[in-house]
Structures are given as C-alpha cells and as structure tokens.
C-alpha cells in the first residue's frame, strides 16, 4: 500500500467510524427509551454550561383573610447552571504489516469496515461505561434519598421497586432499569421460580421489569467486587428520560503511519476522540472535578453537584444488594 493510498485510507476510515457510531447511537437510544442518550451533537470547550429557571412551587402559600395584612418574604426568580464535562479518550495504536496483510491493499473497503466497526464499538462502550459510572456516583451520593439497600442474596423485584418508590408520585418518570447480566439472570430465575413469564412467542424476547425496559450491560460500575469487610454487591439503576446525555464532540482524529527500521515495514493506526457527559439534575463541579477527568473522577459523587431542590427532578434512583 503506497503512502498516497494510506492517506485516502485514513480519510475514509474517519468517515466510516463517524457514520457507524451515528447508526449505533440511534439504535441504543431507541432501545433504552432515551434514559441514556448518546448524542452526535457537537461539544465545544472543556465544559458545556447551560442554565434553566429554578422551580417556583415553593412560592405557594396559605392566606388568612381575617389576619393582619403584613408583608411576605418574596421568592427570588433564580437560574440553575447545568455543567457537562468533556472527557478524552484514545484508540490504538493498531499495528500491522502491509506485506503480510495483502488483503488490505486488494480491498481497502474491507479494512475500513473492520477497523471502523471495532473502533466505533470501543468508543461507544467507553461512552456507555462512563455514563453509567457517573450516574451511579451522583445518585449514590444522595444516600437514602435515592438509594434502596436490599438484603443478602441476588437483587430482586422488591429491591428495584423499593428504589423506584424513592420518587414517590413521580416514579412513573423512571423509564429504564440498567443492570448487568448477573442481576438480569437472577431476576429471570426469580420469575421461573414463581412460574411467571418474561418472554413472548415467535422467538422475540420482551423484557419488562416493573413496566420499564431493561438495559443489560456488564458495565464495571454495576457490580462491586467482594472485599475482606464486605460481600460483592450488584447495582441496578432506575433512570428517567434523558437521565444521562453523552455528547459526541465530533473531533475524532485518526492518523495512519508506515515506518521503516525493522526487518519488515509496519503500519500503525491511532485515534483520539472526546465526548461530553452530563446528568439530569446535576452539574459537574468545575472546581473539584476539573478539566479532562479520568475514570476515577467521573465516578466520584462529590464531583457531581445536585442543582435542583426536588430529588424527583434528578436522573433517577439506585438499588443495591449483596450479590
């Protein structure tokens, strides 16, 4: 493959990754009912800052028509600042030898397809895992207001329902439960033990737990390993619509280089990408969390400040139980 061909290869690869990622995000958004929304909208700067008006429901008061007419403390019309943070990631380098991989030269489209699909899946996995880690951190930091602690043994429907109950009359706004595969199959086993069905006919699997769709993914933040002082724990998130929004910053950079110096010519591919991360009802703390956070900072509850007065207007709830 000549160097001029490599430049064309690099250009087409970038376009293929963006197109594939767009297709995958659309499918995921539909499946999760928008609880975790992967957006292809752009994201400028280190932070995305938006403002909205705070609730004025507290201004309601009772009036005594027969009391002395005295002054009333006014309620200020204020705005809330919602901060999303930009996260940076990388892919590769991927290395191959053009002399051994003759199929790359004969059919560059196939190479683009393979690399772009794997890169798109890796980027989307990073987005999803980061979104779940952030949501868990922010929700768990609210303690009993949003967290239901179950008992020993696999997580069950009572645990999830207990978490939903944290939203009271707004529990119907929870549209999706997010859990890992072990928790999902524990619930299936619970159903089988009670002679209940989770499946429809015609070979189509319909998962409907407490009237919400289920997102099943083995994200690290959905399970805690056992320690000397505590057993393993499983986590289930109950999320509202737009609980987490992940913005594709649209600045994917790919570079393909062919180098000499070894016994055989080698080609490497490397990519840089970024995305924005925001939570409903929470703002990224630009002072404590800082810019370009790592995984640990994203998963730290103290870096996500609750900015709304009513917990029912936040991203959701959390159930946990001993695994």
C-alpha atoms as a PDB file:
ATOM      1  CA  UNK A   1       0.000   0.000   0.000  1.00  0.00           C
ATOM      2  CA  UNK A   2       1.560   3.273  -1.113  1.00  0.00           C
ATOM      3  CA  UNK A   3       1.674   6.326   1.154  1.00  0.00           C
ATOM      4  CA  UNK A   4      -0.873   8.103  -1.052  1.00  0.00           C
ATOM      5  CA  UNK A   5      -3.216   5.148  -0.601  1.00  0.00           C
ATOM      6  CA  UNK A   6      -2.715   5.376   3.158  1.00  0.00           C
ATOM      7  CA  UNK A   7      -3.898   8.989   3.172  1.00  0.00           C
ATOM      8  CA  UNK A   8      -7.083   8.005   1.334  1.00  0.00           C
ATOM      9  CA  UNK A   9      -7.490   5.043   3.684  1.00  0.00           C
ATOM     10  CA  UNK A  10      -7.205   7.347   6.705  1.00  0.00           C
ATOM     11  CA  UNK A  11      -9.818   9.780   5.355  1.00  0.00           C
ATOM     12  CA  UNK A  12     -12.348   7.057   4.577  1.00  0.00           C
ATOM     13  CA  UNK A  13     -11.731   5.379   7.923  1.00  0.00           C
ATOM     14  CA  UNK A  14     -12.642   8.524   9.836  1.00  0.00           C
ATOM     15  CA  UNK A  15     -15.857   8.961   7.837  1.00  0.00           C
ATOM     16  CA  UNK A  16     -16.777   5.311   8.323  1.00  0.00           C
ATOM     17  CA  UNK A  17     -16.260   5.494  12.089  1.00  0.00           C
ATOM     18  CA  UNK A  18     -18.441   8.590  12.432  1.00  0.00           C
ATOM     19  CA  UNK A  19     -21.188   7.066  10.279  1.00  0.00           C
ATOM     20  CA  UNK A  20     -21.100   3.737  12.110  1.00  0.00           C
ATOM     21  CA  UNK A  21     -21.099   5.437  15.514  1.00  0.00           C
ATOM     22  CA  UNK A  22     -24.118   7.508  14.489  1.00  0.00           C
ATOM     23  CA  UNK A  23     -26.023   4.369  13.498  1.00  0.00           C
ATOM     24  CA  UNK A  24     -25.159   2.620  16.765  1.00  0.00           C
ATOM     25  CA  UNK A  25     -26.172   5.568  18.942  1.00  0.00           C
ATOM     26  CA  UNK A  26     -29.564   5.794  17.234  1.00  0.00           C
ATOM     27  CA  UNK A  27     -30.220   2.112  17.898  1.00  0.00           C
ATOM     28  CA  UNK A  28     -29.143   2.388  21.520  1.00  0.00           C
ATOM     29  CA  UNK A  29     -31.231   5.487  22.198  1.00  0.00           C
ATOM     30  CA  UNK A  30     -34.343   3.758  20.891  1.00  0.00           C
ATOM     31  CA  UNK A  31     -33.682   0.609  22.932  1.00  0.00           C
ATOM     32  CA  UNK A  32     -33.122   2.487  26.207  1.00  0.00           C
ATOM     33  CA  UNK A  33     -36.088   4.845  25.652  1.00  0.00           C
ATOM     34  CA  UNK A  34     -33.688   7.749  25.930  1.00  0.00           C
ATOM     35  CA  UNK A  35     -32.681   7.106  29.561  1.00  0.00           C
ATOM     36  CA  UNK A  36     -29.041   7.121  28.479  1.00  0.00           C
ATOM     37  CA  UNK A  37     -28.968   9.276  25.363  1.00  0.00           C
ATOM     38  CA  UNK A  38     -25.903   9.080  23.153  1.00  0.00           C
ATOM     39  CA  UNK A  39     -25.936  12.242  21.095  1.00  0.00           C
ATOM     40  CA  UNK A  40     -23.935  13.086  17.971  1.00  0.00           C
ATOM     41  CA  UNK A  41     -24.298  16.808  18.742  1.00  0.00           C
ATOM     42  CA  UNK A  42     -21.067  18.761  18.986  1.00  0.00           C
ATOM     43  CA  UNK A  43     -19.391  19.881  22.211  1.00  0.00           C
ATOM     44  CA  UNK A  44     -17.049  22.901  22.375  1.00  0.00           C
ATOM     45  CA  UNK A  45     -14.573  23.705  25.127  1.00  0.00           C
ATOM     46  CA  UNK A  46     -13.830  21.876  28.391  1.00  0.00           C
ATOM     47  CA  UNK A  47     -17.359  22.286  29.760  1.00  0.00           C
ATOM     48  CA  UNK A  48     -20.847  22.740  28.340  1.00  0.00           C
ATOM     49  CA  UNK A  49     -22.707  25.208  30.529  1.00  0.00           C
ATOM     50  CA  UNK A  50     -26.447  25.722  30.267  1.00  0.00           C
ATOM     51  CA  UNK A  51     -28.886  27.493  32.534  1.00  0.00           C
ATOM     52  CA  UNK A  52     -32.539  26.933  33.393  1.00  0.00           C
ATOM     53  CA  UNK A  53     -35.016  28.539  35.760  1.00  0.00           C
ATOM     54  CA  UNK A  54     -35.372  27.008  39.212  1.00  0.00           C
ATOM     55  CA  UNK A  55     -38.734  25.727  40.397  1.00  0.00           C
ATOM     56  CA  UNK A  56     -41.100  28.321  41.899  1.00  0.00           C
ATOM     57  CA  UNK A  57     -43.545  25.892  43.501  1.00  0.00           C
ATOM     58  CA  UNK A  58     -42.317  26.889  46.981  1.00  0.00           C
ATOM     59  CA  UNK A  59     -43.852  30.340  46.443  1.00  0.00           C
ATOM     60  CA  UNK A  60     -47.301  28.853  47.066  1.00  0.00           C
ATOM     61  CA  UNK A  61     -48.705  29.816  50.498  1.00  0.00           C
ATOM     62  CA  UNK A  62     -51.871  29.744  52.532  1.00  0.00           C
ATOM     63  CA  UNK A  63     -53.756  33.056  53.103  1.00  0.00           C
ATOM     64  CA  UNK A  64     -55.786  34.011  56.157  1.00  0.00           C
ATOM     65  CA  UNK A  65     -58.342  36.585  55.004  1.00  0.00           C
ATOM     66  CA  UNK A  66     -59.007  37.684  58.606  1.00  0.00           C
ATOM     67  CA  UNK A  67     -55.403  38.213  59.738  1.00  0.00           C
ATOM     68  CA  UNK A  68     -53.456  41.448  59.770  1.00  0.00           C
ATOM     69  CA  UNK A  69     -52.251  42.324  56.294  1.00  0.00           C
ATOM     70  CA  UNK A  70     -48.468  42.094  56.662  1.00  0.00           C
ATOM     71  CA  UNK A  71     -45.524  41.769  54.312  1.00  0.00           C
ATOM     72  CA  UNK A  72     -44.496  38.406  52.813  1.00  0.00           C
ATOM     73  CA  UNK A  73     -40.979  37.199  52.106  1.00  0.00           C
ATOM     74  CA  UNK A  74     -40.623  37.144  48.303  1.00  0.00           C
ATOM     75  CA  UNK A  75     -39.345  34.167  46.325  1.00  0.00           C
ATOM     76  CA  UNK A  76     -36.492  35.045  44.015  1.00  0.00           C
ATOM     77  CA  UNK A  77     -36.595  34.025  40.373  1.00  0.00           C
ATOM     78  CA  UNK A  78     -33.274  32.209  40.017  1.00  0.00           C
ATOM     79  CA  UNK A  79     -31.472  30.186  37.394  1.00  0.00           C
ATOM     80  CA  UNK A  80     -29.680  26.857  37.729  1.00  0.00           C
ATOM     81  CA  UNK A  81     -26.385  26.224  35.954  1.00  0.00           C
ATOM     82  CA  UNK A  82     -26.079  22.775  34.422  1.00  0.00           C
ATOM     83  CA  UNK A  83     -22.486  21.794  33.635  1.00  0.00           C
ATOM     84  CA  UNK A  84     -21.444  18.910  31.400  1.00  0.00           C
ATOM     85  CA  UNK A  85     -17.791  17.912  31.203  1.00  0.00           C
ATOM     86  CA  UNK A  86     -15.642  16.877  28.237  1.00  0.00           C
ATOM     87  CA  UNK A  87     -13.904  13.506  28.520  1.00  0.00           C
ATOM     88  CA  UNK A  88     -10.949  12.499  26.316  1.00  0.00           C
ATOM     89  CA  UNK A  89     -10.100   9.004  25.069  1.00  0.00           C
ATOM     90  CA  UNK A  90      -7.839   7.225  22.634  1.00  0.00           C
ATOM     91  CA  UNK A  91      -7.825   4.095  20.444  1.00  0.00           C
ATOM     92  CA  UNK A  92      -4.731   2.191  19.401  1.00  0.00           C
ATOM     93  CA  UNK A  93      -2.140   2.207  18.113  1.00  0.00           C
ATOM     94  CA  UNK A  94      -3.122  -0.742  15.934  1.00  0.00           C
ATOM     95  CA  UNK A  95      -0.177  -2.269  14.085  1.00  0.00           C
ATOM     96  CA  UNK A  96       0.017  -4.494  11.007  1.00  0.00           C
ATOM     97  CA  UNK A  97       2.474  -5.377   8.272  1.00  0.00           C
ATOM     98  CA  UNK A  98       1.259  -4.389   4.793  1.00  0.00           C
ATOM     99  CA  UNK A  99       3.453  -7.051   3.260  1.00  0.00           C
ATOM    100  CA  UNK A 100       1.663  -9.825   5.147  1.00  0.00           C
ATOM    101  CA  UNK A 101      -1.846  -8.375   5.003  1.00  0.00           C
ATOM    102  CA  UNK A 102      -2.225  -8.229   1.253  1.00  0.00           C
ATOM    103  CA  UNK A 103      -5.995  -8.104   1.637  1.00  0.00           C
ATOM    104  CA  UNK A 104      -5.703  -4.507   2.849  1.00  0.00           C
ATOM    105  CA  UNK A 105      -4.195  -3.493  -0.457  1.00  0.00           C
ATOM    106  CA  UNK A 106      -6.560  -5.575  -2.568  1.00  0.00           C
ATOM    107  CA  UNK A 107      -9.683  -4.470  -0.776  1.00  0.00           C
ATOM    108  CA  UNK A 108      -9.255  -1.299   1.342  1.00  0.00           C
ATOM    109  CA  UNK A 109     -13.013  -1.108   1.890  1.00  0.00           C
ATOM    110  CA  UNK A 110     -12.873  -4.327   3.903  1.00  0.00           C
ATOM    111  CA  UNK A 111     -10.105  -2.946   6.105  1.00  0.00           C
ATOM    112  CA  UNK A 112     -12.082   0.222   6.699  1.00  0.00           C
ATOM    113  CA  UNK A 113     -15.136  -1.820   7.642  1.00  0.00           C
ATOM    114  CA  UNK A 114     -13.278  -3.995  10.160  1.00  0.00           C
ATOM    115  CA  UNK A 115     -11.333  -1.202  11.843  1.00  0.00           C
ATOM    116  CA  UNK A 116     -14.186   1.328  11.880  1.00  0.00           C
ATOM    117  CA  UNK A 117     -16.633  -1.172  13.386  1.00  0.00           C
ATOM    118  CA  UNK A 118     -14.248  -2.176  16.166  1.00  0.00           C
ATOM    119  CA  UNK A 119     -13.301   1.431  16.873  1.00  0.00           C
ATOM    120  CA  UNK A 120     -16.950   2.523  16.926  1.00  0.00           C
ATOM    121  CA  UNK A 121     -17.865  -0.263  19.330  1.00  0.00           C
ATOM    122  CA  UNK A 122     -14.919   0.601  21.590  1.00  0.00           C
ATOM    123  CA  UNK A 123     -15.823   4.308  21.669  1.00  0.00           C
ATOM    124  CA  UNK A 124     -19.482   3.561  22.334  1.00  0.00           C
ATOM    125  CA  UNK A 125     -18.520   1.160  25.138  1.00  0.00           C
ATOM    126  CA  UNK A 126     -16.417   3.913  26.703  1.00  0.00           C
ATOM    127  CA  UNK A 127     -19.306   6.370  26.444  1.00  0.00           C
ATOM    128  CA  UNK A 128     -21.774   3.920  27.987  1.00  0.00           C
ATOM    129  CA  UNK A 129     -19.495   2.798  30.823  1.00  0.00           C
ATOM    130  CA  UNK A 130     -18.642   6.420  31.663  1.00  0.00           C
ATOM    131  CA  UNK A 131     -22.321   7.397  31.613  1.00  0.00           C
ATOM    132  CA  UNK A 132     -23.253   4.573  33.991  1.00  0.00           C
ATOM    133  CA  UNK A 133     -20.328   5.314  36.318  1.00  0.00           C
ATOM    134  CA  UNK A 134     -21.292   8.997  36.509  1.00  0.00           C
ATOM    135  CA  UNK A 135     -24.974   8.236  37.089  1.00  0.00           C
ATOM    136  CA  UNK A 136     -24.206   5.789  39.870  1.00  0.00           C
ATOM    137  CA  UNK A 137     -21.801   8.216  41.553  1.00  0.00           C
ATOM    138  CA  UNK A 138     -24.214  11.153  41.525  1.00  0.00           C
ATOM    139  CA  UNK A 139     -27.258   9.117  42.586  1.00  0.00           C
ATOM    140  CA  UNK A 140     -25.423   7.167  45.296  1.00  0.00           C
ATOM    141  CA  UNK A 141     -24.081  10.401  46.795  1.00  0.00           C
ATOM    142  CA  UNK A 142     -27.666  11.380  47.726  1.00  0.00           C
ATOM    143  CA  UNK A 143     -27.768   8.412  50.150  1.00  0.00           C
ATOM    144  CA  UNK A 144     -31.216   7.328  51.367  1.00  0.00           C
ATOM    145  CA  UNK A 145     -32.998   9.959  49.254  1.00  0.00           C
ATOM    146  CA  UNK A 146     -32.298   7.913  46.122  1.00  0.00           C
ATOM    147  CA  UNK A 147     -30.716   4.620  47.283  1.00  0.00           C
ATOM    148  CA  UNK A 148     -32.524   1.454  48.373  1.00  0.00           C
ATOM    149  CA  UNK A 149     -30.334  -1.076  50.186  1.00  0.00           C
ATOM    150  CA  UNK A 150     -31.620  -4.603  49.736  1.00  0.00           C
ATOM    151  CA  UNK A 151     -30.791  -7.681  51.752  1.00  0.00           C
ATOM    152  CA  UNK A 152     -28.469 -10.581  51.149  1.00  0.00           C
ATOM    153  CA  UNK A 153     -28.702 -12.712  48.052  1.00  0.00           C
ATOM    154  CA  UNK A 154     -29.337 -11.713  44.436  1.00  0.00           C
ATOM    155  CA  UNK A 155     -31.172  -8.472  43.775  1.00  0.00           C
ATOM    156  CA  UNK A 156     -34.931  -8.955  43.394  1.00  0.00           C
ATOM    157  CA  UNK A 157     -38.057  -7.121  42.285  1.00  0.00           C
ATOM    158  CA  UNK A 158     -38.709  -5.841  45.807  1.00  0.00           C
ATOM    159  CA  UNK A 159     -35.308  -4.131  45.806  1.00  0.00           C
ATOM    160  CA  UNK A 160     -35.930  -2.443  42.456  1.00  0.00           C
ATOM    161  CA  UNK A 161     -39.442  -1.423  43.467  1.00  0.00           C
ATOM    162  CA  UNK A 162     -38.043  -0.023  46.715  1.00  0.00           C
ATOM    163  CA  UNK A 163     -35.677   2.150  44.702  1.00  0.00           C
ATOM    164  CA  UNK A 164     -38.467   3.355  42.400  1.00  0.00           C
ATOM    165  CA  UNK A 165     -40.513   4.267  45.483  1.00  0.00           C
ATOM    166  CA  UNK A 166     -37.901   6.936  46.317  1.00  0.00           C
ATOM    167  CA  UNK A 167     -39.509   9.061  43.597  1.00  0.00           C
ATOM    168  CA  UNK A 168     -42.971   8.690  45.123  1.00  0.00           C
ATOM    169  CA  UNK A 169     -45.682  10.020  42.826  1.00  0.00           C
ATOM    170  CA  UNK A 170     -43.030  10.682  40.171  1.00  0.00           C
ATOM    171  CA  UNK A 171     -41.908   7.058  39.941  1.00  0.00           C
ATOM    172  CA  UNK A 172     -43.714   6.794  36.607  1.00  0.00           C
ATOM    173  CA  UNK A 173     -40.994   9.033  35.119  1.00  0.00           C
ATOM    174  CA  UNK A 174     -38.478   6.195  35.508  1.00  0.00           C
ATOM    175  CA  UNK A 175     -38.329   4.631  32.036  1.00  0.00           C
ATOM    176  CA  UNK A 176     -35.470   2.123  32.216  1.00  0.00           C
ATOM    177  CA  UNK A 177     -33.650  -0.185  34.608  1.00  0.00           C
ATOM    178  CA  UNK A 178     -29.925  -0.586  33.959  1.00  0.00           C
ATOM    179  CA  UNK A 179     -28.242  -3.737  35.293  1.00  0.00           C
ATOM    180  CA  UNK A 180     -25.517  -6.236  34.498  1.00  0.00           C
ATOM    181  CA  UNK A 181     -26.030  -9.723  33.125  1.00  0.00           C
ATOM    182  CA  UNK A 182     -25.797 -11.465  36.507  1.00  0.00           C
ATOM    183  CA  UNK A 183     -28.574  -9.321  38.010  1.00  0.00           C
ATOM    184  CA  UNK A 184     -30.697  -9.777  34.901  1.00  0.00           C
ATOM    185  CA  UNK A 185     -30.463 -13.564  35.056  1.00  0.00           C
ATOM    186  CA  UNK A 186     -31.117 -13.526  38.815  1.00  0.00           C
ATOM    187  CA  UNK A 187     -34.426 -11.808  38.048  1.00  0.00           C
ATOM    188  CA  UNK A 188     -35.196 -14.376  35.346  1.00  0.00           C
ATOM    189  CA  UNK A 189     -34.536 -17.117  37.905  1.00  0.00           C
ATOM    190  CA  UNK A 190     -36.871 -15.338  40.298  1.00  0.00           C
ATOM    191  CA  UNK A 191     -39.552 -15.361  37.613  1.00  0.00           C
ATOM    192  CA  UNK A 192     -39.064 -19.030  36.808  1.00  0.00           C
ATOM    193  CA  UNK A 193     -39.358 -19.924  40.470  1.00  0.00           C
ATOM    194  CA  UNK A 194     -42.731 -18.166  40.539  1.00  0.00           C
ATOM    195  CA  UNK A 195     -43.936 -19.672  37.253  1.00  0.00           C
ATOM    196  CA  UNK A 196     -44.006 -16.251  35.618  1.00  0.00           C
ATOM    197  CA  UNK A 197     -43.050 -15.463  32.022  1.00  0.00           C
ATOM    198  CA  UNK A 198     -40.668 -12.885  30.627  1.00  0.00           C
ATOM    199  CA  UNK A 199     -40.952 -13.971  27.002  1.00  0.00           C
ATOM    200  CA  UNK A 200     -43.425 -13.627  24.171  1.00  0.00           C
ATOM    201  CA  UNK A 201     -43.916 -16.091  21.351  1.00  0.00           C
ATOM    202  CA  UNK A 202     -42.395 -16.009  17.850  1.00  0.00           C
ATOM    203  CA  UNK A 203     -38.904 -16.130  19.354  1.00  0.00           C
ATOM    204  CA  UNK A 204     -38.946 -12.453  20.342  1.00  0.00           C
ATOM    205  CA  UNK A 205     -37.627 -11.688  23.811  1.00  0.00           C
ATOM    206  CA  UNK A 206     -39.539  -8.985  25.634  1.00  0.00           C
ATOM    207  CA  UNK A 207     -38.028  -7.814  28.901  1.00  0.00           C
ATOM    208  CA  UNK A 208     -40.432  -5.806  31.013  1.00  0.00           C
ATOM    209  CA  UNK A 209     -39.490  -5.385  34.663  1.00  0.00           C
ATOM    210  CA  UNK A 210     -41.960  -3.350  36.690  1.00  0.00           C
ATOM    211  CA  UNK A 211     -43.221  -1.775  33.480  1.00  0.00           C
ATOM    212  CA  UNK A 212     -39.792  -0.486  32.401  1.00  0.00           C
ATOM    213  CA  UNK A 213     -37.411  -1.607  29.708  1.00  0.00           C
ATOM    214  CA  UNK A 214     -34.128  -3.116  30.800  1.00  0.00           C
ATOM    215  CA  UNK A 215     -30.651  -2.199  29.577  1.00  0.00           C
ATOM    216  CA  UNK A 216     -28.354  -5.162  30.215  1.00  0.00           C
ATOM    217  CA  UNK A 217     -24.653  -4.371  30.095  1.00  0.00           C
ATOM    218  CA  UNK A 218     -21.708  -5.599  32.152  1.00  0.00           C
ATOM    219  CA  UNK A 219     -20.503  -2.102  32.950  1.00  0.00           C
ATOM    220  CA  UNK A 220     -17.938  -2.142  35.792  1.00  0.00           C
ATOM    221  CA  UNK A 221     -19.953   0.365  37.844  1.00  0.00           C
ATOM    222  CA  UNK A 222     -22.884  -2.070  38.138  1.00  0.00           C
ATOM    223  CA  UNK A 223     -21.038  -4.538  40.371  1.00  0.00           C
ATOM    224  CA  UNK A 224     -18.646  -4.175  43.296  1.00  0.00           C
ATOM    225  CA  UNK A 225     -16.180  -6.964  43.997  1.00  0.00           C
ATOM    226  CA  UNK A 226     -16.096  -8.559  47.438  1.00  0.00           C
ATOM    227  CA  UNK A 227     -13.612  -7.239  49.979  1.00  0.00           C
ATOM    228  CA  UNK A 228     -12.413  -8.525  53.340  1.00  0.00           C
ATOM    229  CA  UNK A 229     -15.012  -6.357  55.055  1.00  0.00           C
ATOM    230  CA  UNK A 230     -17.954  -6.521  52.617  1.00  0.00           C
ATOM    231  CA  UNK A 231     -19.528  -9.023  50.207  1.00  0.00           C
ATOM    232  CA  UNK A 232     -19.866  -8.389  46.482  1.00  0.00           C
ATOM    233  CA  UNK A 233     -22.709  -6.049  45.582  1.00  0.00           C
ATOM    234  CA  UNK A 234     -24.892  -5.705  42.499  1.00  0.00           C
ATOM    235  CA  UNK A 235     -26.241  -2.325  41.408  1.00  0.00           C
ATOM    236  CA  UNK A 236     -29.392  -1.539  39.420  1.00  0.00           C
ATOM    237  CA  UNK A 237     -30.078   1.997  38.209  1.00  0.00           C
ATOM    238  CA  UNK A 238     -33.614   3.246  37.613  1.00  0.00           C
ATOM    239  CA  UNK A 239     -33.284   6.155  35.191  1.00  0.00           C
ATOM    240  CA  UNK A 240     -35.660   8.794  33.862  1.00  0.00           C
ATOM    241  CA  UNK A 241     -35.721  10.054  30.285  1.00  0.00           C
ATOM    242  CA  UNK A 242     -32.522  11.985  29.427  1.00  0.00           C
ATOM    243  CA  UNK A 243     -31.010  10.976  32.767  1.00  0.00           C
ATOM    244  CA  UNK A 244     -27.582  10.881  31.137  1.00  0.00           C
ATOM    245  CA  UNK A 245     -26.670  12.672  27.920  1.00  0.00           C
ATOM    246  CA  UNK A 246     -23.397  11.833  26.177  1.00  0.00           C
ATOM    247  CA  UNK A 247     -22.372  14.339  23.515  1.00  0.00           C
ATOM    248  CA  UNK A 248     -20.073  13.216  20.728  1.00  0.00           C
ATOM    249  CA  UNK A 249     -17.698  16.151  20.431  1.00  0.00           C
ATOM    250  CA  UNK A 250     -17.233  15.459  16.709  1.00  0.00           C
ATOM    251  CA  UNK A 251     -13.462  15.826  16.881  1.00  0.00           C
ATOM    252  CA  UNK A 252     -12.301  12.295  16.072  1.00  0.00           C
ATOM    253  CA  UNK A 253      -8.695  12.439  14.882  1.00  0.00           C
ATOM    254  CA  UNK A 254      -7.130   9.434  13.134  1.00  0.00           C
ATOM    255  CA  UNK A 255      -3.588   9.017  11.903  1.00  0.00           C
ATOM    256  CA  UNK A 256      -2.040   6.197   9.854  1.00  0.00           C
ATOM    257  CA  UNK A 257       1.725   5.925   9.518  1.00  0.00           C
ATOM    258  CA  UNK A 258       4.021   3.493   7.706  1.00  0.00           C
ATOM    259  CA  UNK A 259       7.510   3.230   9.195  1.00  0.00           C
ATOM    260  CA  UNK A 260      10.832   1.634   8.318  1.00  0.00           C
ATOM    261  CA  UNK A 261      13.680   0.466  10.558  1.00  0.00           C
ATOM    262  CA  UNK A 262      12.538  -3.052  11.389  1.00  0.00           C
ATOM    263  CA  UNK A 263      13.049  -6.146   9.278  1.00  0.00           C
ATOM    264  CA  UNK A 264       9.590  -5.634   7.783  1.00  0.00           C
ATOM    265  CA  UNK A 265       7.636  -2.460   7.096  1.00  0.00           C
ATOM    266  CA  UNK A 266       4.985  -1.781   9.720  1.00  0.00           C
ATOM    267  CA  UNK A 267       1.860   0.358   9.590  1.00  0.00           C
ATOM    268  CA  UNK A 268       0.209   1.793  12.698  1.00  0.00           C
ATOM    269  CA  UNK A 269      -3.156   3.460  13.253  1.00  0.00           C
ATOM    270  CA  UNK A 270      -4.035   5.611  16.228  1.00  0.00           C
ATOM    271  CA  UNK A 271      -7.078   7.732  17.094  1.00  0.00           C
ATOM    272  CA  UNK A 272      -8.049  10.410  19.617  1.00  0.00           C
ATOM    273  CA  UNK A 273     -11.652  11.247  20.492  1.00  0.00           C
ATOM    274  CA  UNK A 274     -13.653  13.184  23.064  1.00  0.00           C
ATOM    275  CA  UNK A 275     -17.214  13.274  24.330  1.00  0.00           C
ATOM    276  CA  UNK A 276     -19.252  15.380  26.729  1.00  0.00           C
ATOM    277  CA  UNK A 277     -21.022  13.936  29.763  1.00  0.00           C
ATOM    278  CA  UNK A 278     -23.980  15.466  31.605  1.00  0.00           C
ATOM    279  CA  UNK A 279     -26.547  14.290  34.187  1.00  0.00           C
ATOM    280  CA  UNK A 280     -30.119  15.453  34.713  1.00  0.00           C
ATOM    281  CA  UNK A 281     -30.457  17.491  37.884  1.00  0.00           C
ATOM    282  CA  UNK A 282     -26.700  17.523  38.494  1.00  0.00           C
ATOM    283  CA  UNK A 283     -23.832  19.782  37.425  1.00  0.00           C
ATOM    284  CA  UNK A 284     -20.205  18.833  37.034  1.00  0.00           C
ATOM    285  CA  UNK A 285     -18.230  20.672  39.705  1.00  0.00           C
ATOM    286  CA  UNK A 286     -15.653  22.516  37.607  1.00  0.00           C
ATOM    287  CA  UNK A 287     -13.565  23.347  40.694  1.00  0.00           C
ATOM    288  CA  UNK A 288     -13.278  19.946  42.389  1.00  0.00           C
ATOM    289  CA  UNK A 289     -13.714  17.765  39.308  1.00  0.00           C
ATOM    290  CA  UNK A 290     -11.587  19.883  36.998  1.00  0.00           C
ATOM    291  CA  UNK A 291     -10.955  19.502  33.286  1.00  0.00           C
ATOM    292  CA  UNK A 292     -10.441  16.344  31.234  1.00  0.00           C
ATOM    293  CA  UNK A 293     -11.347  13.957  34.102  1.00  0.00           C
ATOM    294  CA  UNK A 294     -10.152  10.373  34.390  1.00  0.00           C
ATOM    295  CA  UNK A 295     -12.377   7.398  35.236  1.00  0.00           C
ATOM    296  CA  UNK A 296     -11.940   7.847  38.978  1.00  0.00           C
ATOM    297  CA  UNK A 297     -13.022  11.499  38.856  1.00  0.00           C
ATOM    298  CA  UNK A 298     -16.065  10.653  36.732  1.00  0.00           C
ATOM    299  CA  UNK A 299     -17.109   8.009  39.261  1.00  0.00           C
ATOM    300  CA  UNK A 300     -16.726  10.332  42.274  1.00  0.00           C
ATOM    301  CA  UNK A 301     -20.066  11.524  43.615  1.00  0.00           C
ATOM    302  CA  UNK A 302     -18.582  14.706  45.091  1.00  0.00           C
ATOM    303  CA  UNK A 303     -17.779  15.927  41.584  1.00  0.00           C
ATOM    304  CA  UNK A 304     -21.480  15.965  40.647  1.00  0.00           C
ATOM    305  CA  UNK A 305     -23.458  18.662  42.461  1.00  0.00           C
ATOM    306  CA  UNK A 306     -27.228  18.360  42.795  1.00  0.00           C
ATOM    307  CA  UNK A 307     -28.630  21.636  41.456  1.00  0.00           C
ATOM    308  CA  UNK A 308     -32.401  21.082  41.780  1.00  0.00           C
ATOM    309  CA  UNK A 309     -34.320  21.306  45.023  1.00  0.00           C
ATOM    310  CA  UNK A 310     -36.566  18.275  44.481  1.00  0.00           C
ATOM    311  CA  UNK A 311     -34.835  14.899  44.180  1.00  0.00           C
ATOM    312  CA  UNK A 312     -37.660  13.774  41.872  1.00  0.00           C
ATOM    313  CA  UNK A 313     -36.256  16.063  39.173  1.00  0.00           C
ATOM    314  CA  UNK A 314     -32.894  14.287  39.073  1.00  0.00           C
ATOM    315  CA  UNK A 315     -31.543  11.423  36.957  1.00  0.00           C
ATOM    316  CA  UNK A 316     -33.028   8.539  38.907  1.00  0.00           C
ATOM    317  CA  UNK A 317     -32.622   6.051  41.722  1.00  0.00           C
ATOM    318  CA  UNK A 318     -30.427   3.113  42.675  1.00  0.00           C
ATOM    319  CA  UNK A 319     -30.985  -0.323  44.188  1.00  0.00           C
ATOM    320  CA  UNK A 320     -28.177  -2.422  45.619  1.00  0.00           C
ATOM    321  CA  UNK A 321     -27.990  -5.877  47.186  1.00  0.00           C
ATOM    322  CA  UNK A 322     -25.387  -8.428  48.111  1.00  0.00           C
ATOM    323  CA  UNK A 323     -24.518 -10.424  45.015  1.00  0.00           C
END
